Protein backbone atom coordinates (compact mmCIF):
# COMPACT_ATOMS: atom_id res chain seq x y z
CA MET A 1 45.46 -13.98 -31.98
CA VAL A 2 46.18 -16.95 -29.30
CA THR A 3 42.85 -18.49 -29.13
CA PRO A 4 40.50 -19.07 -32.03
CA LEU A 5 36.83 -17.55 -32.05
CA VAL A 6 34.14 -19.52 -33.04
CA GLU A 7 32.79 -18.33 -36.52
CA MET A 8 29.28 -19.06 -37.33
CA ASP A 9 28.41 -18.17 -40.89
CA GLY A 10 24.93 -17.75 -42.13
CA ASP A 11 22.59 -16.82 -44.66
CA GLU A 12 21.58 -14.90 -48.02
CA MET A 13 22.94 -11.16 -48.13
CA THR A 14 24.62 -11.30 -44.47
CA ARG A 15 26.49 -14.04 -46.00
CA ILE A 16 27.73 -12.22 -48.84
CA LEU A 17 28.62 -9.03 -46.48
CA TRP A 18 30.59 -11.58 -43.77
CA LYS A 19 32.84 -12.31 -46.76
CA MET A 20 33.40 -8.96 -48.10
CA ILE A 21 33.73 -7.66 -43.98
CA LYS A 22 36.51 -10.45 -43.62
CA ASP A 23 38.29 -9.80 -46.85
CA GLU A 24 38.40 -5.86 -46.35
CA LEU A 25 38.37 -5.24 -42.80
CA ILE A 26 39.67 -8.18 -40.93
CA LEU A 27 42.25 -10.16 -42.62
CA PRO A 28 44.39 -7.18 -44.00
CA TYR A 29 44.89 -6.16 -40.22
CA ILE A 30 44.39 -9.47 -38.24
CA ASP A 31 46.17 -12.96 -38.19
CA LEU A 32 42.69 -14.15 -37.75
CA LYS A 33 42.26 -17.60 -35.88
CA THR A 34 38.57 -18.98 -36.29
CA GLU A 35 37.16 -22.54 -35.83
CA TYR A 36 34.60 -22.28 -38.57
CA TYR A 37 30.88 -23.55 -38.86
CA ASP A 38 28.74 -23.18 -41.73
CA LEU A 39 25.34 -22.46 -40.55
CA GLY A 40 23.87 -21.71 -43.87
CA LEU A 41 20.64 -23.32 -44.43
CA GLU A 42 21.43 -25.92 -46.78
CA HIS A 43 24.23 -27.15 -44.47
CA ARG A 44 21.96 -27.17 -41.54
CA ASN A 45 19.74 -29.25 -43.56
CA GLU A 46 22.41 -31.68 -44.75
CA THR A 47 23.47 -32.24 -41.20
CA ASP A 48 19.90 -32.66 -39.89
CA ASP A 49 20.94 -29.23 -37.75
CA GLN A 50 23.92 -31.16 -35.93
CA VAL A 51 26.45 -28.25 -36.83
CA THR A 52 24.20 -25.93 -34.74
CA VAL A 53 24.57 -27.83 -31.80
CA ASP A 54 28.53 -28.51 -32.41
CA SER A 55 28.78 -24.68 -32.89
CA ALA A 56 27.26 -23.94 -29.33
CA GLU A 57 29.50 -26.57 -28.01
CA ALA A 58 32.31 -24.69 -29.51
CA ALA A 59 31.42 -21.51 -28.06
CA LYS A 60 31.30 -23.29 -24.71
CA LYS A 61 35.01 -24.47 -25.34
CA TYR A 62 36.40 -21.18 -26.58
CA GLY A 63 34.37 -18.66 -24.75
CA VAL A 64 33.78 -16.13 -27.66
CA ALA A 65 31.63 -16.77 -30.98
CA VAL A 66 30.64 -14.45 -33.66
CA LYS A 67 27.51 -15.39 -35.85
CA CYS A 68 26.05 -14.20 -38.91
CA ALA A 69 22.44 -13.93 -39.17
CA THR A 70 20.59 -16.92 -40.31
CA ILE A 71 17.55 -18.18 -41.63
CA THR A 72 14.64 -19.61 -39.53
CA PRO A 73 12.36 -21.68 -42.02
CA ASN A 74 8.82 -21.39 -42.47
CA ALA A 75 6.70 -23.16 -44.90
CA ALA A 76 7.50 -21.23 -47.82
CA ARG A 77 11.40 -21.81 -46.82
CA MET A 78 10.86 -25.60 -46.78
CA THR A 79 9.87 -25.41 -50.47
CA GLU A 80 12.34 -23.05 -51.56
CA TYR A 81 15.43 -24.91 -49.90
CA ASN A 82 13.76 -28.40 -50.12
CA LEU A 83 14.15 -29.01 -46.61
CA LYS A 84 13.85 -32.39 -44.75
CA GLU A 85 11.77 -30.28 -41.84
CA MET A 86 11.51 -27.15 -40.62
CA TRP A 87 14.43 -26.60 -38.51
CA LYS A 88 14.37 -24.60 -35.33
CA SER A 89 15.75 -21.24 -34.96
CA PRO A 90 19.62 -21.69 -34.76
CA ASN A 91 19.66 -18.45 -32.52
CA GLY A 92 17.21 -20.46 -30.08
CA THR A 93 19.17 -23.65 -30.26
CA ILE A 94 22.41 -21.75 -29.24
CA ARG A 95 20.53 -19.84 -26.71
CA ALA A 96 19.13 -22.48 -24.94
CA ALA A 97 22.52 -24.50 -25.16
CA LEU A 98 24.33 -21.53 -23.41
CA ASP A 99 21.46 -20.47 -20.99
CA GLY A 100 22.40 -17.01 -21.95
CA THR A 101 20.72 -13.67 -22.09
CA VAL A 102 20.87 -11.17 -24.98
CA PHE A 103 21.62 -7.70 -24.43
CA ARG A 104 21.00 -5.42 -27.70
CA ALA A 105 21.81 -1.90 -27.74
CA PRO A 106 21.60 1.04 -30.64
CA ILE A 107 24.62 2.29 -32.39
CA LEU A 108 24.42 6.25 -32.16
CA ILE A 109 25.71 8.30 -34.82
CA LYS A 110 25.23 12.11 -35.37
CA GLY A 111 22.93 12.94 -38.05
CA ILE A 112 20.60 10.09 -37.48
CA ILE A 113 17.77 11.43 -35.06
CA PRO A 114 15.73 8.95 -33.13
CA TYR A 115 12.17 8.98 -33.98
CA VAL A 116 11.75 9.32 -30.28
CA SER A 117 12.88 13.04 -29.85
CA ASN A 118 13.72 12.89 -26.16
CA TRP A 119 15.99 9.40 -26.25
CA SER A 120 19.28 11.12 -26.45
CA LYS A 121 20.88 8.05 -24.58
CA PRO A 122 20.85 4.26 -25.71
CA ILE A 123 18.21 1.67 -24.42
CA THR A 124 19.78 -1.72 -24.09
CA ILE A 125 17.48 -4.58 -24.26
CA ALA A 126 18.29 -7.47 -22.17
CA ARG A 127 16.11 -10.43 -23.56
CA HIS A 128 15.64 -13.53 -21.63
CA ALA A 129 17.15 -16.19 -24.22
CA TYR A 130 15.37 -19.52 -23.11
CA GLY A 131 11.72 -20.83 -23.27
CA ASP A 132 8.37 -19.42 -23.58
CA VAL A 133 7.15 -19.53 -27.11
CA TYR A 134 10.35 -20.61 -28.62
CA LYS A 135 10.32 -23.96 -26.97
CA ASN A 136 6.57 -24.36 -27.25
CA VAL A 137 4.31 -27.44 -27.97
CA GLU A 138 1.18 -26.79 -29.95
CA ILE A 139 -1.82 -28.65 -31.14
CA LYS A 140 -4.54 -27.66 -33.72
CA VAL A 141 -7.41 -28.82 -31.88
CA PRO A 142 -9.79 -30.74 -34.49
CA GLY A 143 -13.00 -30.27 -32.92
CA ALA A 144 -14.99 -30.57 -29.69
CA GLY A 145 -13.38 -31.65 -26.50
CA LYS A 146 -11.46 -31.10 -23.30
CA ALA A 147 -7.79 -29.63 -23.49
CA GLU A 148 -5.93 -30.13 -20.04
CA LEU A 149 -2.43 -29.08 -18.63
CA VAL A 150 -1.20 -32.03 -16.55
CA TYR A 151 1.95 -32.18 -14.74
CA THR A 152 3.43 -35.68 -13.66
CA GLY A 153 6.07 -35.53 -10.84
CA ALA A 154 8.69 -38.14 -10.54
CA ASP A 155 6.88 -39.69 -7.93
CA GLY A 156 3.78 -40.33 -10.21
CA THR A 157 1.77 -37.51 -8.41
CA GLN A 158 -0.26 -35.32 -10.68
CA ILE A 159 -1.30 -31.79 -11.09
CA ARG A 160 -4.24 -31.49 -13.53
CA GLU A 161 -6.23 -28.20 -14.54
CA THR A 162 -8.40 -27.67 -17.41
CA ILE A 163 -7.37 -25.53 -20.25
CA HIS A 164 -10.57 -25.15 -22.12
CA GLU A 165 -13.69 -27.09 -23.20
CA PHE A 166 -13.78 -26.84 -26.79
CA LYS A 167 -16.97 -26.71 -28.80
CA GLY A 168 -15.32 -26.70 -32.09
CA PRO A 169 -11.94 -26.52 -33.72
CA GLY A 170 -8.99 -24.40 -32.15
CA ILE A 171 -5.81 -24.02 -31.00
CA ILE A 172 -3.63 -24.76 -27.78
CA GLN A 173 -0.13 -23.80 -26.89
CA GLY A 174 2.04 -25.16 -23.91
CA ILE A 175 5.07 -23.10 -22.95
CA HIS A 176 7.52 -23.48 -20.05
CA ASN A 177 10.61 -22.03 -18.18
CA THR A 178 13.09 -23.35 -15.59
CA ASP A 179 13.80 -21.57 -12.33
CA LYS A 180 17.26 -22.19 -13.13
CA SER A 181 17.09 -20.27 -16.34
CA ILE A 182 15.47 -17.57 -14.78
CA THR A 183 18.12 -17.37 -12.22
CA SER A 184 20.63 -17.10 -14.81
CA PHE A 185 18.67 -14.14 -16.59
CA ALA A 186 18.26 -12.28 -13.57
CA LYS A 187 21.77 -12.50 -12.75
CA ALA A 188 22.90 -11.71 -15.87
CA CYS A 189 20.89 -8.43 -15.96
CA PHE A 190 22.18 -7.28 -12.59
CA ASN A 191 25.89 -8.11 -13.36
CA TYR A 192 25.33 -6.22 -16.66
CA ALA A 193 23.82 -3.40 -15.09
CA LEU A 194 26.76 -2.90 -12.39
CA ASP A 195 29.48 -3.35 -15.18
CA THR A 196 27.97 -0.61 -17.20
CA LYS A 197 26.37 1.60 -14.23
CA GLN A 198 23.09 1.77 -15.85
CA ASP A 199 19.67 1.53 -14.05
CA LEU A 200 17.89 -1.86 -14.38
CA TRP A 201 14.19 -2.16 -15.32
CA PHE A 202 12.23 -5.51 -15.47
CA ALA A 203 8.71 -5.82 -16.83
CA THR A 204 6.19 -8.76 -17.33
CA LYS A 205 2.51 -9.22 -17.05
CA ASP A 206 2.29 -10.67 -13.73
CA THR A 207 -1.52 -9.17 -12.97
CA ILE A 208 -3.15 -11.58 -15.55
CA SER A 209 -0.13 -14.41 -15.68
CA LYS A 210 -0.40 -14.88 -11.73
CA LYS A 211 1.94 -17.86 -11.88
CA TYR A 212 4.21 -18.13 -14.97
CA ASP A 213 5.17 -14.20 -15.06
CA HIS A 214 4.95 -13.63 -11.45
CA ASN A 215 7.63 -16.36 -10.87
CA PHE A 216 9.82 -14.12 -12.89
CA LYS A 217 9.25 -11.09 -10.86
CA ASP A 218 9.81 -13.20 -7.48
CA ILE A 219 12.83 -14.43 -8.45
CA PHE A 220 14.24 -11.30 -9.86
CA GLN A 221 13.19 -9.75 -6.54
CA GLU A 222 14.60 -12.61 -4.10
CA ILE A 223 18.25 -12.43 -5.88
CA TYR A 224 18.16 -8.59 -5.94
CA ASP A 225 17.67 -8.11 -2.23
CA ALA A 226 19.77 -11.04 -1.21
CA GLU A 227 22.92 -10.36 -3.48
CA TYR A 228 22.64 -7.11 -5.33
CA LYS A 229 20.67 -4.52 -3.30
CA ASP A 230 23.76 -3.05 -1.50
CA ARG A 231 25.85 -2.99 -4.47
CA PHE A 232 23.35 -1.15 -6.80
CA GLU A 233 22.99 1.43 -4.11
CA ALA A 234 26.97 1.54 -3.80
CA ALA A 235 27.03 1.89 -7.47
CA GLY A 236 24.20 4.90 -7.33
CA ILE A 237 21.94 2.78 -10.14
CA GLU A 238 18.29 1.55 -9.42
CA TYR A 239 16.57 -1.78 -10.21
CA PHE A 240 12.58 -1.54 -10.47
CA TYR A 241 10.08 -3.88 -11.33
CA THR A 242 6.75 -2.79 -13.39
CA LEU A 243 4.12 -4.09 -15.76
CA ILE A 244 5.05 -4.50 -19.39
CA ASP A 245 2.30 -2.19 -20.49
CA ASP A 246 3.41 0.64 -18.01
CA ALA A 247 7.21 0.18 -19.12
CA VAL A 248 6.41 0.77 -22.52
CA ALA A 249 4.77 4.07 -21.46
CA ARG A 250 7.74 4.90 -19.29
CA VAL A 251 10.23 3.96 -21.95
CA ILE A 252 8.79 6.36 -24.61
CA ARG A 253 8.46 9.24 -22.27
CA SER A 254 12.22 8.75 -21.14
CA GLU A 255 15.80 9.78 -22.37
CA GLY A 256 17.09 6.57 -22.58
CA GLY A 257 20.09 5.30 -20.97
CA PHE A 258 19.02 2.23 -19.06
CA ILE A 259 18.84 -1.42 -19.64
CA TRP A 260 15.12 -2.87 -20.18
CA ALA A 261 14.97 -6.49 -19.35
CA CYS A 262 12.24 -8.51 -21.03
CA LYS A 263 11.12 -12.11 -21.52
CA ASN A 264 11.90 -13.79 -24.34
CA TYR A 265 9.30 -12.76 -26.56
CA ASP A 266 8.57 -9.22 -25.26
CA GLY A 267 12.55 -8.70 -25.87
CA ASP A 268 12.30 -10.25 -29.22
CA VAL A 269 9.53 -7.52 -30.27
CA MET A 270 10.65 -4.57 -28.19
CA SER A 271 14.45 -4.69 -29.44
CA ASP A 272 13.08 -4.52 -33.11
CA MET A 273 11.11 -1.34 -32.14
CA VAL A 274 13.95 0.09 -29.95
CA ALA A 275 16.20 -0.36 -32.85
CA THR A 276 13.87 1.22 -35.52
CA ALA A 277 13.04 3.88 -33.32
CA TYR A 278 16.66 5.02 -33.02
CA GLY A 279 16.94 5.02 -36.71
CA ASP A 280 17.52 1.53 -38.06
CA LEU A 281 17.36 -2.19 -37.34
CA SER A 282 20.96 -2.67 -39.02
CA MET A 283 21.97 -0.21 -36.31
CA MET A 284 21.80 -2.35 -33.20
CA THR A 285 24.34 -4.50 -31.77
CA SER A 286 23.51 -8.05 -30.06
CA VAL A 287 25.34 -10.09 -27.53
CA LEU A 288 24.51 -13.23 -26.16
CA VAL A 289 26.16 -13.56 -22.46
CA SER A 290 25.69 -16.93 -20.49
CA PRO A 291 26.19 -17.13 -16.69
CA ASP A 292 29.34 -19.01 -17.16
CA GLY A 293 31.01 -16.22 -18.95
CA ILE A 294 30.61 -17.24 -22.75
CA TYR A 295 30.08 -14.68 -25.39
CA GLU A 296 28.30 -14.83 -28.59
CA TYR A 297 28.12 -11.82 -30.86
CA GLU A 298 26.11 -10.88 -33.86
CA ALA A 299 23.91 -8.41 -35.72
CA ALA A 300 20.54 -7.98 -34.57
CA HIS A 301 18.90 -7.80 -37.99
CA GLY A 302 17.93 -10.90 -40.12
CA THR A 303 19.43 -11.98 -43.57
CA VAL A 304 18.32 -8.97 -45.92
CA GLN A 305 16.20 -11.59 -48.15
CA ARG A 306 15.18 -8.72 -50.17
CA HIS A 307 18.49 -7.52 -50.97
CA TYR A 308 20.23 -11.31 -51.57
CA TYR A 309 17.43 -11.82 -54.52
CA LYS A 310 18.65 -8.67 -56.02
CA TYR A 311 22.22 -9.59 -55.66
CA LEU A 312 21.37 -12.92 -57.61
CA LYS A 313 19.93 -11.14 -60.36
CA GLY A 314 23.26 -9.09 -60.79
CA GLU A 315 21.74 -6.19 -59.59
CA GLU A 316 23.58 -3.76 -57.17
CA THR A 317 22.63 -3.40 -53.45
CA SER A 318 23.22 -0.90 -50.86
CA THR A 319 23.09 -2.93 -47.50
CA ASN A 320 24.25 -1.43 -44.39
CA SER A 321 27.01 -3.77 -42.78
CA ILE A 322 27.45 -1.84 -39.48
CA ALA A 323 25.89 -4.14 -37.18
CA THR A 324 27.58 -7.06 -38.47
CA ILE A 325 31.13 -5.25 -38.33
CA PHE A 326 30.21 -4.37 -34.83
CA ALA A 327 29.66 -8.26 -34.40
CA TRP A 328 33.02 -8.95 -35.66
CA THR A 329 34.68 -6.29 -33.35
CA GLY A 330 32.80 -7.03 -30.33
CA ALA A 331 33.97 -10.71 -30.25
CA LEU A 332 37.65 -9.55 -31.42
CA ARG A 333 37.55 -6.99 -28.37
CA LYS A 334 36.21 -9.59 -26.00
CA ARG A 335 38.82 -12.17 -27.16
CA GLY A 336 41.39 -9.54 -26.68
CA GLU A 337 40.52 -8.54 -23.20
CA LEU A 338 40.26 -12.54 -22.24
CA ASP A 339 43.42 -13.23 -23.83
CA GLY A 340 45.36 -9.91 -22.71
CA ILE A 341 46.12 -9.13 -26.53
CA ARG A 342 45.86 -5.09 -26.21
CA GLU A 343 46.21 -4.69 -29.65
CA LEU A 344 42.83 -6.69 -30.82
CA VAL A 345 41.09 -4.50 -28.28
CA GLU A 346 42.61 -1.13 -29.93
CA TYR A 347 41.79 -2.66 -33.48
CA ALA A 348 38.14 -3.04 -32.42
CA ASP A 349 37.89 0.33 -30.82
CA LYS A 350 39.31 1.92 -34.10
CA MET A 351 37.33 -0.11 -36.67
CA GLU A 352 34.03 1.10 -34.66
CA ARG A 353 35.36 4.51 -34.83
CA ALA A 354 35.85 4.28 -38.43
CA CYS A 355 32.21 2.97 -39.01
CA ILE A 356 30.84 5.86 -37.17
CA LYS A 357 33.15 8.43 -38.67
CA THR A 358 32.29 7.31 -42.32
CA VAL A 359 28.76 7.97 -41.81
CA GLU A 360 28.98 11.45 -39.93
CA ASP A 361 31.29 12.22 -42.89
CA GLY A 362 28.52 11.81 -45.23
CA ARG A 363 29.35 8.36 -46.94
CA MET A 364 26.70 5.88 -46.15
CA THR A 365 24.14 3.27 -47.68
CA LYS A 366 20.77 4.04 -49.06
CA SER A 367 18.95 3.37 -45.71
CA LEU A 368 21.13 5.06 -43.99
CA ALA A 369 20.75 8.17 -46.42
CA LEU A 370 16.99 7.84 -45.88
CA ILE A 371 16.94 8.68 -42.25
CA SER A 372 20.23 10.91 -42.14
CA THR A 373 20.19 14.85 -41.97
CA CYS A 374 23.23 15.14 -43.88
CA LYS A 375 22.57 17.46 -46.46
CA ASN A 376 24.36 15.93 -49.71
CA PRO A 377 25.27 12.36 -48.60
CA VAL A 378 27.13 10.22 -51.07
CA ILE A 379 25.34 6.79 -51.38
CA LEU A 380 27.65 3.87 -51.64
CA ASN A 381 26.87 0.15 -52.71
CA SER A 382 27.54 -2.71 -50.17
CA LEU A 383 30.96 -3.23 -51.14
CA GLU A 384 32.05 0.46 -51.66
CA PHE A 385 30.71 1.11 -48.24
CA ILE A 386 32.75 -1.48 -46.32
CA GLN A 387 35.70 -0.03 -48.58
CA ALA A 388 34.97 3.24 -47.41
CA ILE A 389 35.32 2.30 -43.81
CA ARG A 390 38.58 0.78 -44.75
CA SER A 391 39.90 3.93 -46.12
CA THR A 392 38.59 5.76 -43.18
CA PHE A 393 40.12 3.27 -40.56
CA ASP A 394 43.64 3.56 -42.57
CA SER A 395 42.94 7.24 -41.88
CA LEU A 396 42.81 7.35 -38.13
């Protein structure tokens, strides 16, 4: 390696797997160079979350990052970790800093049959990674009163709309987005579709949200007509817009093999649905791509809290690490491509083949064994599974 990766460590069971993966699958083969940031919740709390901001700035500097799963604290976590405050989602902070789009796609393996039987090709979820509910402002309304939405322009002019005349307690929420971020989202989706030669679907609820969601629809269409229509036609791929409820119905009836672009919350929910429907949430890749060509790779799943508590008690865990391994291989492959280091690309390709072959040969974790058609799978614990992948890698 010449240029370092930005390494963002994380929390709970995925943090344990992170070290195992480095020790067993990376350091024996690669002269690894990383700029390390500890995004574990304790360290985020110690630094008032400045470490998350610093890691995003480092990603801008070096161009490629790899991230472990992290905790987004709720009230229970506040108590458990004795936090100064309920820190924001690290992913949300990094996504906002990079103004990127998240692309999530399932890892397909023979013997793990999708729950939707007609899905024969992967569906890639393109998730807008800025704004909406993740940057919201909320008020718990104490009692009767009038809630208003007010915009004050730089010149002092105002736009004012009544949200609701409350007769008693309730709640209100304010969300926002920017034309700049929506434009970046649209271009990232169109470029990714051209790069992968896949059709692009985009869906919102513009019939109900006639200004907010309609703005997304309009910006996508304007950019497509002005910059991408001829290129899509030349590549033999299609872009079309539909309502989110229609998209859900179409997706279920489809065979897969396309990119489904979603607003932030829709993409959050639908990526979990798609990953689980293909077999398991731990079998989904995730990459954040910024309009400036910055890449941040991670697993699409969380910190596997239940397994971590078992691990702390000294009990054996059987945690599937494939998505986290693919985060590392994705980052190393991209680093190799950008720096012209062919061996890094070849290593990444070979390691991913080793992961798939290990499972297809019948050696897997408990969660995979539950959904595999393999007759007599060998169920391995967390470390044994990583070691089995290393053995397969060495034999290829």
